[in-house]
Amino acid sequence: MIMVLIILAINIVYVTFFTIRMILTLKGYRYIAAMVSMVEVVVYIIGLGLVLDNLDKVQNIIAYAVGYGIGIIIGTKIEEKMALGYITVNVITADVDHTMPKLLRDKGYGVTDWGANGLEGNRSAMQILTPRKDELKLYEVIKQIDPKAFIIAYEPKTIHGGFWVKSVRKGKLFK
């Protein structure tokens, strides 16, 4: 029973590090990802050695598999808390008076807005860039202003130029 718990714990730790390393790599944090991978590979070798030495018991293999699944869940939860990178939010609203863009700008968001046409007439369209850690707060602000706003979000790969980038670098984004 102790071997099962050890294998489970080692695989949870290994896969958590693996998941975080992959996300860091995809987000462009290659040096931090390299450091995480050094810990990851040591844990992996120890865990794999224990499993291979104990393949005669099915519960060890099950512990390895369960630990793998739990490690992925924990790794993605940690990444959600880290909230690396930025999110671009496109919003379409019936607010053709452009009240929402002004209110969002007053809160420190970088907003580009333009007139648009939808199935039911004129609309206001906006593009907003924000750190991922502030994503849910932005959604709440938008929904308070217009509960019927249409919102689409995605992660930009590259960001260059504009007042917003300068504000982020100076640490002065939100008022």
C-alpha atoms as a PDB file:
ATOM      1  CA  MET A   1       0.000   0.000   0.000  1.00  0.00           C
ATOM      2  CA  ILE A   2       2.858   2.398   0.754  1.00  0.00           C
ATOM      3  CA  MET A   3       4.379   1.727  -2.679  1.00  0.00           C
ATOM      4  CA  VAL A   4       1.037   2.578  -4.320  1.00  0.00           C
ATOM      5  CA  LEU A   5       0.904   5.920  -2.473  1.00  0.00           C
ATOM      6  CA  ILE A   6       4.522   6.706  -3.331  1.00  0.00           C
ATOM      7  CA  ILE A   7       3.968   5.961  -7.033  1.00  0.00           C
ATOM      8  CA  LEU A   8       0.755   8.013  -6.997  1.00  0.00           C
ATOM      9  CA  ALA A   9       2.435  10.991  -5.324  1.00  0.00           C
ATOM     10  CA  ILE A  10       5.516  10.900  -7.553  1.00  0.00           C
ATOM     11  CA  ASN A  11       3.423  10.822 -10.702  1.00  0.00           C
ATOM     12  CA  ILE A  12       1.207  13.662  -9.511  1.00  0.00           C
ATOM     13  CA  VAL A  13       4.323  15.767  -8.910  1.00  0.00           C
ATOM     14  CA  TYR A  14       5.911  14.718 -12.224  1.00  0.00           C
ATOM     15  CA  VAL A  15       2.872  15.424 -14.388  1.00  0.00           C
ATOM     16  CA  THR A  16       2.150  18.694 -12.580  1.00  0.00           C
ATOM     17  CA  PHE A  17       5.667  19.859 -13.441  1.00  0.00           C
ATOM     18  CA  PHE A  18       5.282  18.499 -16.987  1.00  0.00           C
ATOM     19  CA  THR A  19       2.031  20.422 -17.518  1.00  0.00           C
ATOM     20  CA  ILE A  20       3.440  23.652 -16.123  1.00  0.00           C
ATOM     21  CA  ARG A  21       6.594  23.273 -18.237  1.00  0.00           C
ATOM     22  CA  MET A  22       4.561  22.795 -21.405  1.00  0.00           C
ATOM     23  CA  ILE A  23       2.444  25.863 -20.687  1.00  0.00           C
ATOM     24  CA  LEU A  24       5.514  27.952 -19.850  1.00  0.00           C
ATOM     25  CA  THR A  25       7.129  26.830 -23.105  1.00  0.00           C
ATOM     26  CA  LEU A  26       4.034  27.712 -25.141  1.00  0.00           C
ATOM     27  CA  LYS A  27       3.846  31.137 -23.480  1.00  0.00           C
ATOM     28  CA  GLY A  28       7.488  31.881 -24.314  1.00  0.00           C
ATOM     29  CA  TYR A  29       9.025  31.482 -20.846  1.00  0.00           C
ATOM     30  CA  ARG A  30      11.720  29.122 -22.119  1.00  0.00           C
ATOM     31  CA  TYR A  31      14.311  29.640 -19.368  1.00  0.00           C
ATOM     32  CA  ILE A  32      11.858  29.084 -16.541  1.00  0.00           C
ATOM     33  CA  ALA A  33      10.504  26.079 -18.463  1.00  0.00           C
ATOM     34  CA  ALA A  34      14.045  24.672 -18.703  1.00  0.00           C
ATOM     35  CA  MET A  35      14.499  24.961 -14.936  1.00  0.00           C
ATOM     36  CA  VAL A  36      11.136  23.297 -14.296  1.00  0.00           C
ATOM     37  CA  SER A  37      12.083  20.500 -16.700  1.00  0.00           C
ATOM     38  CA  MET A  38      15.197  19.675 -14.656  1.00  0.00           C
ATOM     39  CA  VAL A  39      13.046  18.949 -11.593  1.00  0.00           C
ATOM     40  CA  GLU A  40      10.498  17.184 -13.766  1.00  0.00           C
ATOM     41  CA  VAL A  41      12.991  14.723 -15.239  1.00  0.00           C
ATOM     42  CA  VAL A  42      14.450  13.775 -11.834  1.00  0.00           C
ATOM     43  CA  VAL A  43      10.966  13.046 -10.469  1.00  0.00           C
ATOM     44  CA  TYR A  44      10.119  11.138 -13.664  1.00  0.00           C
ATOM     45  CA  ILE A  45      13.168   8.883 -13.470  1.00  0.00           C
ATOM     46  CA  ILE A  46      12.508   8.050  -9.811  1.00  0.00           C
ATOM     47  CA  GLY A  47       8.817   7.356 -10.471  1.00  0.00           C
ATOM     48  CA  LEU A  48       9.399   5.301 -13.596  1.00  0.00           C
ATOM     49  CA  GLY A  49      12.057   3.266 -11.814  1.00  0.00           C
ATOM     50  CA  LEU A  50       9.643   2.451  -8.997  1.00  0.00           C
ATOM     51  CA  VAL A  51       6.901   1.431 -11.422  1.00  0.00           C
ATOM     52  CA  LEU A  52       9.199  -0.695 -13.585  1.00  0.00           C
ATOM     53  CA  ASP A  53      10.576  -2.446 -10.494  1.00  0.00           C
ATOM     54  CA  ASN A  54       7.032  -3.220  -9.362  1.00  0.00           C
ATOM     55  CA  LEU A  55       5.151  -4.100 -12.559  1.00  0.00           C
ATOM     56  CA  ASP A  56       4.058  -7.400 -11.011  1.00  0.00           C
ATOM     57  CA  LYS A  57       1.295  -5.595  -9.085  1.00  0.00           C
ATOM     58  CA  VAL A  58      -1.586  -4.075 -11.043  1.00  0.00           C
ATOM     59  CA  GLN A  59      -2.320  -1.537  -8.295  1.00  0.00           C
ATOM     60  CA  ASN A  60       1.063   0.114  -8.982  1.00  0.00           C
ATOM     61  CA  ILE A  61       0.189   0.587 -12.635  1.00  0.00           C
ATOM     62  CA  ILE A  62      -3.238   1.940 -11.667  1.00  0.00           C
ATOM     63  CA  ALA A  63      -1.595   4.334  -9.178  1.00  0.00           C
ATOM     64  CA  TYR A  64       0.718   5.539 -11.956  1.00  0.00           C
ATOM     65  CA  ALA A  65      -2.224   6.170 -14.296  1.00  0.00           C
ATOM     66  CA  VAL A  66      -4.369   7.876 -11.634  1.00  0.00           C
ATOM     67  CA  GLY A  67      -1.402  10.039 -10.584  1.00  0.00           C
ATOM     68  CA  TYR A  68      -0.949  11.072 -14.214  1.00  0.00           C
ATOM     69  CA  GLY A  69      -4.554  12.254 -14.488  1.00  0.00           C
ATOM     70  CA  ILE A  70      -4.485  14.080 -11.157  1.00  0.00           C
ATOM     71  CA  GLY A  71      -1.178  15.724 -12.131  1.00  0.00           C
ATOM     72  CA  ILE A  72      -2.715  17.168 -15.285  1.00  0.00           C
ATOM     73  CA  ILE A  73      -5.628  18.617 -13.307  1.00  0.00           C
ATOM     74  CA  ILE A  74      -3.322  20.140 -10.669  1.00  0.00           C
ATOM     75  CA  GLY A  75      -0.931  21.510 -13.322  1.00  0.00           C
ATOM     76  CA  THR A  76      -3.713  23.244 -15.227  1.00  0.00           C
ATOM     77  CA  LYS A  77      -5.187  24.645 -12.001  1.00  0.00           C
ATOM     78  CA  ILE A  78      -1.777  26.096 -11.089  1.00  0.00           C
ATOM     79  CA  GLU A  79      -1.482  27.635 -14.568  1.00  0.00           C
ATOM     80  CA  GLU A  80      -4.935  29.195 -14.192  1.00  0.00           C
ATOM     81  CA  LYS A  81      -3.780  30.805 -10.938  1.00  0.00           C
ATOM     82  CA  MET A  82      -0.559  32.027 -12.596  1.00  0.00           C
ATOM     83  CA  ALA A  83      -2.659  33.476 -15.461  1.00  0.00           C
ATOM     84  CA  LEU A  84       0.311  34.159 -17.717  1.00  0.00           C
ATOM     85  CA  GLY A  85      -0.031  36.323 -20.762  1.00  0.00           C
ATOM     86  CA  TYR A  86      -2.808  38.477 -22.133  1.00  0.00           C
ATOM     87  CA  ILE A  87      -6.292  38.053 -23.486  1.00  0.00           C
ATOM     88  CA  THR A  88      -7.989  39.935 -26.309  1.00  0.00           C
ATOM     89  CA  VAL A  89     -11.694  40.414 -25.827  1.00  0.00           C
ATOM     90  CA  ASN A  90     -14.009  41.359 -28.672  1.00  0.00           C
ATOM     91  CA  VAL A  91     -17.330  42.800 -27.559  1.00  0.00           C
ATOM     92  CA  ILE A  92     -20.387  43.621 -29.624  1.00  0.00           C
ATOM     93  CA  THR A  93     -23.113  45.666 -27.978  1.00  0.00           C
ATOM     94  CA  ALA A  94     -26.261  47.513 -28.952  1.00  0.00           C
ATOM     95  CA  ASP A  95     -24.752  50.579 -27.194  1.00  0.00           C
ATOM     96  CA  VAL A  96     -24.338  52.758 -30.281  1.00  0.00           C
ATOM     97  CA  ASP A  97     -23.821  55.838 -28.073  1.00  0.00           C
ATOM     98  CA  HIS A  98     -20.340  54.504 -27.227  1.00  0.00           C
ATOM     99  CA  THR A  99     -20.916  54.653 -23.471  1.00  0.00           C
ATOM    100  CA  MET A 100     -19.203  51.303 -22.817  1.00  0.00           C
ATOM    101  CA  PRO A 101     -15.855  52.168 -24.458  1.00  0.00           C
ATOM    102  CA  LYS A 102     -15.629  55.360 -22.391  1.00  0.00           C
ATOM    103  CA  LEU A 103     -16.481  53.565 -19.146  1.00  0.00           C
ATOM    104  CA  LEU A 104     -13.912  50.854 -19.887  1.00  0.00           C
ATOM    105  CA  ARG A 105     -11.248  53.428 -20.756  1.00  0.00           C
ATOM    106  CA  ASP A 106     -11.997  55.246 -17.494  1.00  0.00           C
ATOM    107  CA  LYS A 107     -11.191  51.972 -15.710  1.00  0.00           C
ATOM    108  CA  GLY A 108      -7.818  51.750 -17.494  1.00  0.00           C
ATOM    109  CA  TYR A 109      -8.598  49.291 -20.280  1.00  0.00           C
ATOM    110  CA  GLY A 110      -7.243  49.873 -23.753  1.00  0.00           C
ATOM    111  CA  VAL A 111     -10.302  49.896 -25.995  1.00  0.00           C
ATOM    112  CA  THR A 112     -10.535  50.278 -29.747  1.00  0.00           C
ATOM    113  CA  ASP A 113     -14.117  50.692 -30.876  1.00  0.00           C
ATOM    114  CA  TRP A 114     -15.959  51.095 -34.147  1.00  0.00           C
ATOM    115  CA  GLY A 115     -19.470  51.038 -35.556  1.00  0.00           C
ATOM    116  CA  ALA A 116     -20.796  47.720 -36.798  1.00  0.00           C
ATOM    117  CA  ASN A 117     -23.954  46.311 -38.350  1.00  0.00           C
ATOM    118  CA  GLY A 118     -25.700  43.235 -36.996  1.00  0.00           C
ATOM    119  CA  LEU A 119     -28.815  41.261 -37.778  1.00  0.00           C
ATOM    120  CA  GLU A 120     -30.884  43.624 -35.637  1.00  0.00           C
ATOM    121  CA  GLY A 121     -29.288  46.899 -36.746  1.00  0.00           C
ATOM    122  CA  ASN A 122     -26.427  49.145 -35.671  1.00  0.00           C
ATOM    123  CA  ARG A 123     -23.992  47.911 -33.062  1.00  0.00           C
ATOM    124  CA  SER A 124     -20.821  49.057 -31.381  1.00  0.00           C
ATOM    125  CA  ALA A 125     -17.845  46.698 -31.651  1.00  0.00           C
ATOM    126  CA  MET A 126     -14.806  46.826 -29.378  1.00  0.00           C
ATOM    127  CA  GLN A 127     -11.469  45.142 -29.000  1.00  0.00           C
ATOM    128  CA  ILE A 128      -9.954  45.127 -25.513  1.00  0.00           C
ATOM    129  CA  LEU A 129      -6.570  43.805 -24.427  1.00  0.00           C
ATOM    130  CA  THR A 130      -6.006  42.865 -20.778  1.00  0.00           C
ATOM    131  CA  PRO A 131      -3.739  40.651 -18.680  1.00  0.00           C
ATOM    132  CA  ARG A 132      -5.255  37.173 -18.253  1.00  0.00           C
ATOM    133  CA  LYS A 133      -5.335  37.669 -14.489  1.00  0.00           C
ATOM    134  CA  ASP A 134      -7.879  40.464 -15.043  1.00  0.00           C
ATOM    135  CA  GLU A 135     -10.007  38.580 -17.587  1.00  0.00           C
ATOM    136  CA  LEU A 136     -12.896  37.660 -15.290  1.00  0.00           C
ATOM    137  CA  LYS A 137     -12.984  41.156 -13.795  1.00  0.00           C
ATOM    138  CA  LEU A 138     -13.299  42.600 -17.318  1.00  0.00           C
ATOM    139  CA  TYR A 139     -16.200  40.246 -18.118  1.00  0.00           C
ATOM    140  CA  GLU A 140     -17.996  41.375 -14.976  1.00  0.00           C
ATOM    141  CA  VAL A 141     -17.538  45.054 -15.858  1.00  0.00           C
ATOM    142  CA  ILE A 142     -18.862  44.440 -19.390  1.00  0.00           C
ATOM    143  CA  LYS A 143     -21.864  42.471 -18.091  1.00  0.00           C
ATOM    144  CA  GLN A 144     -22.680  45.204 -15.567  1.00  0.00           C
ATOM    145  CA  ILE A 145     -22.752  47.778 -18.363  1.00  0.00           C
ATOM    146  CA  ASP A 146     -24.588  45.559 -20.855  1.00  0.00           C
ATOM    147  CA  PRO A 147     -25.813  42.130 -19.707  1.00  0.00           C
ATOM    148  CA  LYS A 148     -26.658  41.250 -23.339  1.00  0.00           C
ATOM    149  CA  ALA A 149     -23.202  42.064 -24.749  1.00  0.00           C
ATOM    150  CA  PHE A 150     -21.733  39.463 -27.084  1.00  0.00           C
ATOM    151  CA  ILE A 151     -18.214  38.573 -25.874  1.00  0.00           C
ATOM    152  CA  ILE A 152     -15.489  36.561 -27.628  1.00  0.00           C
ATOM    153  CA  ALA A 153     -12.013  36.155 -26.135  1.00  0.00           C
ATOM    154  CA  TYR A 154      -8.748  34.732 -27.409  1.00  0.00           C
ATOM    155  CA  GLU A 155      -5.050  34.835 -26.559  1.00  0.00           C
ATOM    156  CA  PRO A 156      -2.880  36.967 -28.830  1.00  0.00           C
ATOM    157  CA  LYS A 157       0.514  35.538 -29.753  1.00  0.00           C
ATOM    158  CA  THR A 158       2.293  38.849 -30.337  1.00  0.00           C
ATOM    159  CA  ILE A 159       1.646  42.342 -29.005  1.00  0.00           C
ATOM    160  CA  HIS A 160       3.455  45.402 -30.331  1.00  0.00           C
ATOM    161  CA  GLY A 161       2.890  49.135 -30.093  1.00  0.00           C
ATOM    162  CA  GLY A 162       0.103  51.288 -28.752  1.00  0.00           C
ATOM    163  CA  PHE A 163      -0.322  53.101 -25.458  1.00  0.00           C
ATOM    164  CA  TRP A 164      -1.349  49.883 -23.763  1.00  0.00           C
ATOM    165  CA  VAL A 165       2.009  48.116 -24.136  1.00  0.00           C
ATOM    166  CA  LYS A 166       3.823  51.152 -22.722  1.00  0.00           C
ATOM    167  CA  SER A 167       1.415  51.278 -19.772  1.00  0.00           C
ATOM    168  CA  VAL A 168       1.957  47.589 -18.979  1.00  0.00           C
ATOM    169  CA  ARG A 169       5.744  47.993 -19.040  1.00  0.00           C
ATOM    170  CA  LYS A 170       5.515  50.959 -16.662  1.00  0.00           C
ATOM    171  CA  GLY A 171       3.113  49.082 -14.364  1.00  0.00           C
ATOM    172  CA  LYS A 172       0.439  51.757 -14.809  1.00  0.00           C
ATOM    173  CA  LEU A 173      -2.342  49.907 -16.580  1.00  0.00           C
ATOM    174  CA  PHE A 174      -5.310  50.156 -14.229  1.00  0.00           C
ATOM    175  CA  LYS A 175      -6.309  53.242 -12.274  1.00  0.00           C
END
